[in-house]
Amino acid sequence: MYGLTETSGPMTLCDGVDGRFHISIGRLSPSVEARIVDIETGRWLPPGGTGELWLKGPTIMH
């Protein structure tokens, strides 16, 4: 389970620890959206891109 203090709860869930998936923080929780964004341009990045993680969900203040 992964959740930032600012999100007031879990944002992702991981089924377990597996060395093949050492860079994954799990699947998104229901009703949560996530994007990886280039912090210089604000553009969304494709899967595998390096940028800032943006989360959206009912437990995050807007």
N, C-alpha and C. Protein backbone atom coordinates (compact mmCIF):
# COMPACT_ATOMS: atom_id res chain seq x y z
N MET A 1 0.84 -1.16 0.00
CA MET A 1 0.00 0.00 0.00
C MET A 1 0.90 1.23 0.00
N TYR A 2 0.51 2.25 -0.77
CA TYR A 2 1.28 3.49 -0.87
C TYR A 2 0.33 4.66 -0.73
N GLY A 3 0.66 5.59 0.11
CA GLY A 3 -0.16 6.79 0.26
C GLY A 3 0.67 7.89 0.89
N LEU A 4 0.63 9.06 0.31
CA LEU A 4 1.34 10.21 0.85
C LEU A 4 0.52 10.82 1.98
N THR A 5 1.15 11.54 2.86
CA THR A 5 0.42 12.22 3.93
C THR A 5 -0.67 13.10 3.36
N GLU A 6 -0.37 13.78 2.25
CA GLU A 6 -1.31 14.70 1.64
C GLU A 6 -2.54 14.03 1.05
N THR A 7 -2.50 12.72 0.83
CA THR A 7 -3.62 12.03 0.19
C THR A 7 -4.60 11.43 1.19
N SER A 8 -4.28 11.43 2.46
CA SER A 8 -5.14 10.88 3.52
C SER A 8 -5.56 9.45 3.29
N GLY A 9 -4.76 8.67 2.69
CA GLY A 9 -5.12 7.27 2.50
C GLY A 9 -4.34 6.64 1.37
N PRO A 10 -4.59 5.36 1.16
CA PRO A 10 -3.83 4.65 0.12
C PRO A 10 -4.23 5.08 -1.28
N MET A 11 -3.25 5.26 -2.14
CA MET A 11 -3.48 5.60 -3.54
C MET A 11 -3.25 4.39 -4.43
N THR A 12 -2.37 3.49 -4.01
CA THR A 12 -2.11 2.28 -4.78
C THR A 12 -2.07 1.08 -3.85
N LEU A 13 -2.28 -0.09 -4.43
CA LEU A 13 -2.23 -1.34 -3.68
C LEU A 13 -1.33 -2.31 -4.41
N CYS A 14 -0.46 -2.99 -3.68
CA CYS A 14 0.47 -3.95 -4.27
C CYS A 14 0.16 -5.33 -3.69
N ASP A 15 0.07 -6.34 -4.56
CA ASP A 15 -0.28 -7.69 -4.13
C ASP A 15 0.82 -8.37 -3.30
N GLY A 16 2.02 -7.88 -3.38
CA GLY A 16 3.12 -8.50 -2.65
C GLY A 16 4.44 -8.02 -3.21
N VAL A 17 5.50 -8.49 -2.64
CA VAL A 17 6.83 -8.09 -3.07
C VAL A 17 7.35 -9.13 -4.05
N ASP A 18 7.77 -8.66 -5.19
CA ASP A 18 8.30 -9.54 -6.22
C ASP A 18 9.46 -8.80 -6.88
N GLY A 19 10.62 -9.36 -6.86
CA GLY A 19 11.81 -8.72 -7.40
C GLY A 19 11.67 -8.24 -8.83
N ARG A 20 10.78 -8.87 -9.61
CA ARG A 20 10.60 -8.46 -11.00
C ARG A 20 9.90 -7.11 -11.10
N PHE A 21 9.21 -6.72 -10.06
CA PHE A 21 8.43 -5.49 -10.11
C PHE A 21 8.93 -4.49 -9.07
N HIS A 22 10.23 -4.41 -8.91
CA HIS A 22 10.80 -3.58 -7.85
C HIS A 22 10.56 -2.08 -8.04
N ILE A 23 10.15 -1.64 -9.23
CA ILE A 23 9.90 -0.22 -9.42
C ILE A 23 8.42 0.12 -9.36
N SER A 24 7.56 -0.86 -9.15
CA SER A 24 6.12 -0.62 -9.10
C SER A 24 5.68 -0.30 -7.68
N ILE A 25 4.73 0.63 -7.57
CA ILE A 25 4.11 0.89 -6.27
C ILE A 25 2.72 0.29 -6.22
N GLY A 26 2.40 -0.54 -7.21
CA GLY A 26 1.13 -1.25 -7.23
C GLY A 26 0.11 -0.66 -8.18
N ARG A 27 -1.10 -1.20 -8.10
CA ARG A 27 -2.21 -0.74 -8.94
C ARG A 27 -2.92 0.40 -8.24
N LEU A 28 -3.54 1.26 -9.02
CA LEU A 28 -4.30 2.37 -8.45
C LEU A 28 -5.50 1.86 -7.67
N SER A 29 -5.78 2.51 -6.57
CA SER A 29 -7.00 2.22 -5.82
C SER A 29 -8.20 2.66 -6.65
N PRO A 30 -9.36 2.07 -6.41
CA PRO A 30 -10.56 2.52 -7.13
C PRO A 30 -10.79 4.01 -6.91
N SER A 31 -11.26 4.70 -7.91
CA SER A 31 -11.57 6.13 -7.91
C SER A 31 -10.35 7.05 -7.84
N VAL A 32 -9.15 6.50 -8.06
CA VAL A 32 -7.93 7.32 -8.07
C VAL A 32 -7.40 7.38 -9.49
N GLU A 33 -6.97 8.57 -9.90
CA GLU A 33 -6.33 8.77 -11.20
C GLU A 33 -4.89 9.19 -10.96
N ALA A 34 -3.98 8.76 -11.83
CA ALA A 34 -2.57 9.13 -11.71
C ALA A 34 -2.01 9.46 -13.08
N ARG A 35 -1.10 10.42 -13.08
CA ARG A 35 -0.40 10.80 -14.31
C ARG A 35 1.05 11.08 -13.95
N ILE A 36 1.93 10.82 -14.90
CA ILE A 36 3.32 11.25 -14.78
C ILE A 36 3.45 12.47 -15.68
N VAL A 37 3.95 13.57 -15.12
CA VAL A 37 3.97 14.84 -15.83
C VAL A 37 5.39 15.40 -15.86
N ASP A 38 5.77 15.96 -17.01
CA ASP A 38 7.04 16.68 -17.15
C ASP A 38 6.88 17.98 -16.38
N ILE A 39 7.67 18.19 -15.32
CA ILE A 39 7.47 19.36 -14.47
C ILE A 39 7.86 20.67 -15.16
N GLU A 40 8.66 20.60 -16.22
CA GLU A 40 9.04 21.82 -16.93
C GLU A 40 7.99 22.26 -17.93
N THR A 41 7.33 21.30 -18.58
CA THR A 41 6.36 21.64 -19.63
C THR A 41 4.91 21.44 -19.19
N GLY A 42 4.68 20.63 -18.14
CA GLY A 42 3.33 20.33 -17.71
C GLY A 42 2.63 19.29 -18.57
N ARG A 43 3.35 18.71 -19.52
CA ARG A 43 2.76 17.70 -20.41
C ARG A 43 2.80 16.32 -19.78
N TRP A 44 1.76 15.54 -20.08
CA TRP A 44 1.71 14.15 -19.62
C TRP A 44 2.78 13.36 -20.33
N LEU A 45 3.37 12.41 -19.62
CA LEU A 45 4.40 11.55 -20.20
C LEU A 45 3.84 10.15 -20.42
N PRO A 46 4.41 9.44 -21.40
CA PRO A 46 3.94 8.07 -21.66
C PRO A 46 4.43 7.12 -20.56
N PRO A 47 3.88 5.90 -20.53
CA PRO A 47 4.35 4.90 -19.57
C PRO A 47 5.87 4.75 -19.66
N GLY A 48 6.53 4.69 -18.54
CA GLY A 48 7.98 4.57 -18.50
C GLY A 48 8.70 5.90 -18.45
N GLY A 49 7.95 7.01 -18.60
CA GLY A 49 8.55 8.34 -18.56
C GLY A 49 8.99 8.71 -17.16
N THR A 50 9.93 9.65 -17.08
CA THR A 50 10.42 10.13 -15.79
C THR A 50 9.89 11.53 -15.56
N GLY A 51 9.16 11.70 -14.48
CA GLY A 51 8.59 13.01 -14.17
C GLY A 51 7.99 13.01 -12.79
N GLU A 52 7.05 13.92 -12.58
CA GLU A 52 6.39 14.05 -11.28
C GLU A 52 5.07 13.28 -11.29
N LEU A 53 4.78 12.61 -10.19
CA LEU A 53 3.54 11.84 -10.06
C LEU A 53 2.43 12.77 -9.61
N TRP A 54 1.36 12.88 -10.41
CA TRP A 54 0.17 13.67 -10.06
C TRP A 54 -0.95 12.69 -9.74
N LEU A 55 -1.59 12.86 -8.61
CA LEU A 55 -2.68 12.00 -8.17
C LEU A 55 -3.96 12.80 -8.03
N LYS A 56 -5.08 12.16 -8.35
CA LYS A 56 -6.39 12.79 -8.20
C LYS A 56 -7.34 11.75 -7.63
N GLY A 57 -8.08 12.14 -6.59
CA GLY A 57 -9.03 11.22 -5.99
C GLY A 57 -9.87 11.91 -4.94
N PRO A 58 -10.86 11.20 -4.41
CA PRO A 58 -11.79 11.81 -3.46
C PRO A 58 -11.16 12.18 -2.12
N THR A 59 -10.00 11.64 -1.78
CA THR A 59 -9.38 11.96 -0.50
C THR A 59 -8.34 13.07 -0.60
N ILE A 60 -8.18 13.65 -1.79
CA ILE A 60 -7.20 14.71 -1.99
C ILE A 60 -7.91 16.05 -2.08
N MET A 61 -7.43 17.04 -1.33
CA MET A 61 -8.04 18.37 -1.36
C MET A 61 -7.78 19.02 -2.71
N HIS A 62 -8.79 19.64 -3.25
CA HIS A 62 -8.67 20.29 -4.57
C HIS A 62 -8.37 21.76 -4.40
